[in-house]
Protein backbone atom coordinates (compact mmCIF):
# COMPACT_ATOMS: atom_id res chain seq x y z
CA MET A 1 -4.35 -7.90 -96.85
CA LEU A 2 -1.49 -9.28 -94.29
CA ARG A 3 -1.16 -12.86 -93.75
CA PRO A 4 -0.99 -14.18 -90.13
CA GLN A 5 2.49 -15.65 -90.82
CA THR A 6 4.11 -12.17 -91.88
CA ILE A 7 2.62 -10.60 -88.37
CA LEU A 8 3.76 -13.89 -86.32
CA ILE A 9 7.39 -14.24 -87.61
CA PRO A 10 8.53 -10.88 -86.39
CA LEU A 11 6.87 -11.27 -83.21
CA VAL A 12 8.43 -14.38 -82.28
CA ALA A 13 11.80 -12.98 -83.68
CA LEU A 14 11.26 -10.04 -81.14
CA VAL A 15 10.48 -12.47 -77.98
CA LEU A 16 13.58 -14.49 -78.90
CA VAL A 17 15.86 -11.72 -78.89
CA ALA A 18 14.68 -10.35 -75.61
CA GLY A 19 15.12 -13.66 -73.80
CA CYS A 20 18.62 -14.15 -75.37
CA ALA A 21 19.98 -10.69 -73.61
CA THR A 22 22.50 -10.94 -70.75
CA LYS A 23 20.59 -10.70 -67.42
CA LYS A 24 21.96 -8.15 -64.93
CA PRO A 25 22.33 -9.45 -61.48
CA PRO A 26 19.45 -8.38 -59.12
CA VAL A 27 20.00 -5.37 -56.80
CA SER A 28 20.40 -6.56 -53.32
CA ALA A 29 19.97 -4.37 -49.95
CA PRO A 30 22.91 -3.26 -48.35
CA THR A 31 23.93 -5.90 -45.46
CA THR A 32 23.84 -5.02 -42.16
CA GLN A 33 26.09 -6.98 -39.30
CA VAL A 34 23.81 -8.50 -36.88
CA PRO A 35 25.57 -8.84 -33.46
CA PRO A 36 25.73 -12.55 -32.08
CA PRO A 37 23.16 -13.09 -29.41
CA ALA A 38 24.23 -12.82 -25.89
CA PRO A 39 25.02 -15.88 -24.05
CA PHE A 40 22.19 -17.02 -21.79
CA PRO A 41 22.72 -16.72 -18.11
CA GLY A 42 24.75 -19.40 -16.69
CA ALA A 43 26.78 -20.26 -20.14
CA ASN A 44 30.17 -19.41 -20.59
CA GLN A 45 32.00 -18.25 -23.80
CA SER A 46 32.64 -21.76 -25.27
CA GLY A 47 29.19 -22.63 -24.96
CA GLY A 48 29.24 -24.73 -21.80
CA THR A 49 27.85 -23.73 -18.43
CA THR A 50 29.34 -21.77 -15.83
CA THR A 51 31.22 -23.60 -12.56
CA PRO A 52 30.69 -21.86 -9.19
CA ALA A 53 34.52 -20.22 -9.71
CA ASP A 54 33.27 -18.84 -13.03
CA ARG A 55 30.31 -16.93 -11.54
CA PRO A 56 30.68 -13.56 -9.78
CA PRO A 57 30.29 -13.32 -6.01
CA ALA A 58 26.93 -12.60 -4.82
CA PRO A 59 26.49 -9.18 -3.19
CA PRO A 60 26.25 -9.50 0.93
CA PRO A 61 22.89 -9.54 2.11
CA VAL A 62 21.31 -6.32 3.40
CA PRO A 63 20.38 -6.54 6.98
CA ASP A 64 16.74 -5.90 8.30
CA THR A 65 16.95 -2.99 10.71
CA GLY A 66 13.36 -2.50 11.21
CA ALA A 67 13.69 1.06 10.29
CA VAL A 68 11.01 2.57 8.18
CA THR A 69 12.66 4.39 5.50
CA SER A 70 9.73 6.41 4.27
CA ASP A 71 7.38 7.20 6.79
CA PRO A 72 4.18 9.26 5.92
CA LEU A 73 3.40 10.15 9.55
CA ALA A 74 6.70 11.29 10.93
CA ASP A 75 6.78 14.81 9.91
CA LYS A 76 2.78 15.40 10.04
CA SER A 77 1.30 17.58 12.78
CA PRO A 78 -1.06 16.18 15.32
CA GLU A 79 -4.39 17.51 13.20
CA ASP A 80 -2.92 15.91 10.28
CA ILE A 81 -2.63 12.64 12.09
CA ASN A 82 -6.10 12.77 13.53
CA SER A 83 -7.48 13.45 10.01
CA ASN A 84 -6.71 9.84 8.97
CA SER A 85 -5.95 8.44 12.47
CA PRO A 86 -3.97 5.05 12.67
CA LEU A 87 -5.45 4.85 16.07
CA LYS A 88 -8.92 3.00 16.33
CA PRO A 89 -11.79 3.69 18.56
CA VAL A 90 -13.01 1.23 21.11
CA PHE A 91 -16.75 0.46 21.45
CA PHE A 92 -18.66 -0.47 24.30
CA ALA A 93 -21.93 -2.27 24.80
CA PHE A 94 -24.96 -0.23 26.55
CA ASP A 95 -24.35 1.32 29.90
CA SER A 96 -20.97 -0.61 30.41
CA ASP A 97 -17.32 0.42 30.38
CA GLU A 98 -16.22 -3.24 30.03
CA LEU A 99 -13.74 -4.16 27.35
CA ASP A 100 -14.76 -6.86 25.08
CA ASP A 101 -12.27 -9.06 22.91
CA VAL A 102 -12.83 -6.78 20.01
CA ALA A 103 -11.84 -3.72 22.02
CA ARG A 104 -9.14 -5.42 23.56
CA GLN A 105 -7.92 -6.28 20.06
CA ALA A 106 -8.34 -2.36 18.99
CA LEU A 107 -6.28 -1.28 21.97
CA ASN A 108 -3.35 -4.06 21.14
CA ASP A 109 -3.17 -2.40 17.77
CA ASN A 110 -3.14 0.98 19.04
CA ALA A 111 -0.61 0.33 21.62
CA GLN A 112 1.79 -0.98 18.71
CA VAL A 113 1.16 2.04 16.81
CA LEU A 114 1.90 4.37 20.23
CA LYS A 115 5.11 2.16 20.57
CA LYS A 116 6.43 3.03 16.97
CA TYR A 117 5.66 6.78 17.58
CA SER A 118 6.91 7.06 21.05
CA THR A 119 6.82 11.06 20.83
CA TRP A 120 3.03 11.21 20.51
CA VAL A 121 0.89 12.22 23.40
CA ILE A 122 -2.87 11.16 23.20
CA ALA A 123 -6.05 12.20 24.89
CA ILE A 124 -8.51 9.07 24.96
CA GLU A 125 -12.06 10.54 24.99
CA GLY A 126 -15.11 9.09 26.58
CA HIS A 127 -18.30 8.94 24.53
CA CYS A 128 -21.86 8.00 25.19
CA ASP A 129 -25.29 7.74 23.22
CA GLU A 130 -27.80 10.16 23.90
CA ARG A 131 -29.77 8.09 26.39
CA GLY A 132 -29.58 9.07 30.05
CA THR A 133 -28.95 12.23 31.82
CA ALA A 134 -25.84 14.31 31.01
CA GLU A 135 -24.25 14.00 34.46
CA TYR A 136 -24.44 10.24 34.19
CA ASN A 137 -23.32 10.14 30.72
CA LEU A 138 -20.25 12.24 31.79
CA ALA A 139 -19.39 9.63 34.64
CA LEU A 140 -19.81 6.70 32.10
CA GLY A 141 -17.44 8.51 29.52
CA ASP A 142 -15.09 9.03 32.20
CA ARG A 143 -14.93 5.25 33.23
CA ARG A 144 -14.88 4.26 29.55
CA ALA A 145 -11.73 6.41 28.78
CA LEU A 146 -9.98 5.03 31.80
CA ALA A 147 -10.60 1.39 31.03
CA ALA A 148 -8.93 1.99 27.64
CA LYS A 149 -6.13 3.78 29.42
CA ASN A 150 -5.73 1.11 31.98
CA PHE A 151 -5.46 -1.40 29.23
CA LEU A 152 -2.78 0.77 27.47
CA LEU A 153 -0.95 1.07 30.62
CA SER A 154 -0.97 -2.77 31.27
CA LEU A 155 0.86 -2.98 27.90
CA GLY A 156 3.70 -0.82 28.73
CA LEU A 157 3.09 2.40 27.84
CA SER A 158 3.66 5.38 30.07
CA ALA A 159 0.99 7.09 31.95
CA ALA A 160 2.60 10.50 30.90
CA ARG A 161 1.59 9.99 27.26
CA ILE A 162 -1.89 9.23 27.77
CA LYS A 163 -4.62 11.65 29.28
CA THR A 164 -8.07 11.21 29.64
CA VAL A 165 -11.63 13.40 29.02
CA SER A 166 -15.00 12.61 29.12
CA TYR A 167 -17.62 14.28 26.77
CA GLY A 168 -20.76 12.22 27.55
CA LYS A 169 -23.41 12.52 25.00
CA GLU A 170 -22.24 15.74 23.68
CA PHE A 171 -20.30 14.67 20.58
CA PRO A 172 -22.21 11.78 19.04
CA PHE A 173 -20.20 10.44 16.07
CA ASP A 174 -23.60 9.50 14.60
CA PRO A 175 -26.38 12.02 14.96
CA GLY A 176 -28.94 9.42 14.20
CA HIS A 177 -31.69 7.74 16.98
CA THR A 178 -31.47 4.29 16.09
CA GLU A 179 -29.45 1.29 17.89
CA ALA A 180 -27.15 1.34 15.28
CA SER A 181 -26.18 5.04 15.55
CA TRP A 182 -26.03 4.50 19.33
CA ALA A 183 -23.48 1.69 19.13
CA LYS A 184 -21.05 3.97 17.20
CA ASN A 185 -21.71 6.53 19.87
CA ARG A 186 -20.71 4.37 22.70
CA ARG A 187 -16.87 4.81 22.42
CA ALA A 188 -13.37 5.74 23.41
CA GLN A 189 -11.73 7.91 20.87
CA PHE A 190 -8.08 8.48 20.19
CA MET A 191 -6.94 11.81 19.53
CA VAL A 192 -3.09 12.74 19.16
CA THR A 193 -2.83 15.93 21.17
CA ALA A 194 1.27 16.80 20.88
CA LYS A 195 4.31 15.37 19.95
CA GLN A 196 7.01 15.16 22.64
């Protein structure tokens, strides 16, 4: 039988020999050059801030000519313009051709569009709700279209660019038979008919 000392002595010797062996230097990863950080804006190369003389001159301001660089309506046909028209309809009270404040504001907005697109020729269509005779509604629609045209003329638009027509109750915007539907049908509608 082996004594514990006989096993223990060679084991201790082995540990001592392994601990005394020369160590190799650790293998390091290849070093890469890290560029210095860019100076923050307003700093010069010596670490101080720049003076007005060190700064490059500012670009000259771009004059505002008011010109539209990309105009989605400029090259469209009248049919395309009318499919999503920038011209707002004007609505009227029952049996009336009087322009209220909301109608005058819509006409002011339409005048601005028509001044911007000075080649557009428009027709103002007068419409009525279904109540009343066909003859009466044709006359009322005509008065509504003329009221809208006269207001646009007072804002400086040319009469040569504006035609009027009355459809009376023939082409309702809303086919319903309620006051809400009739209110939508009592209107002057603006259609672009040509470009000069």
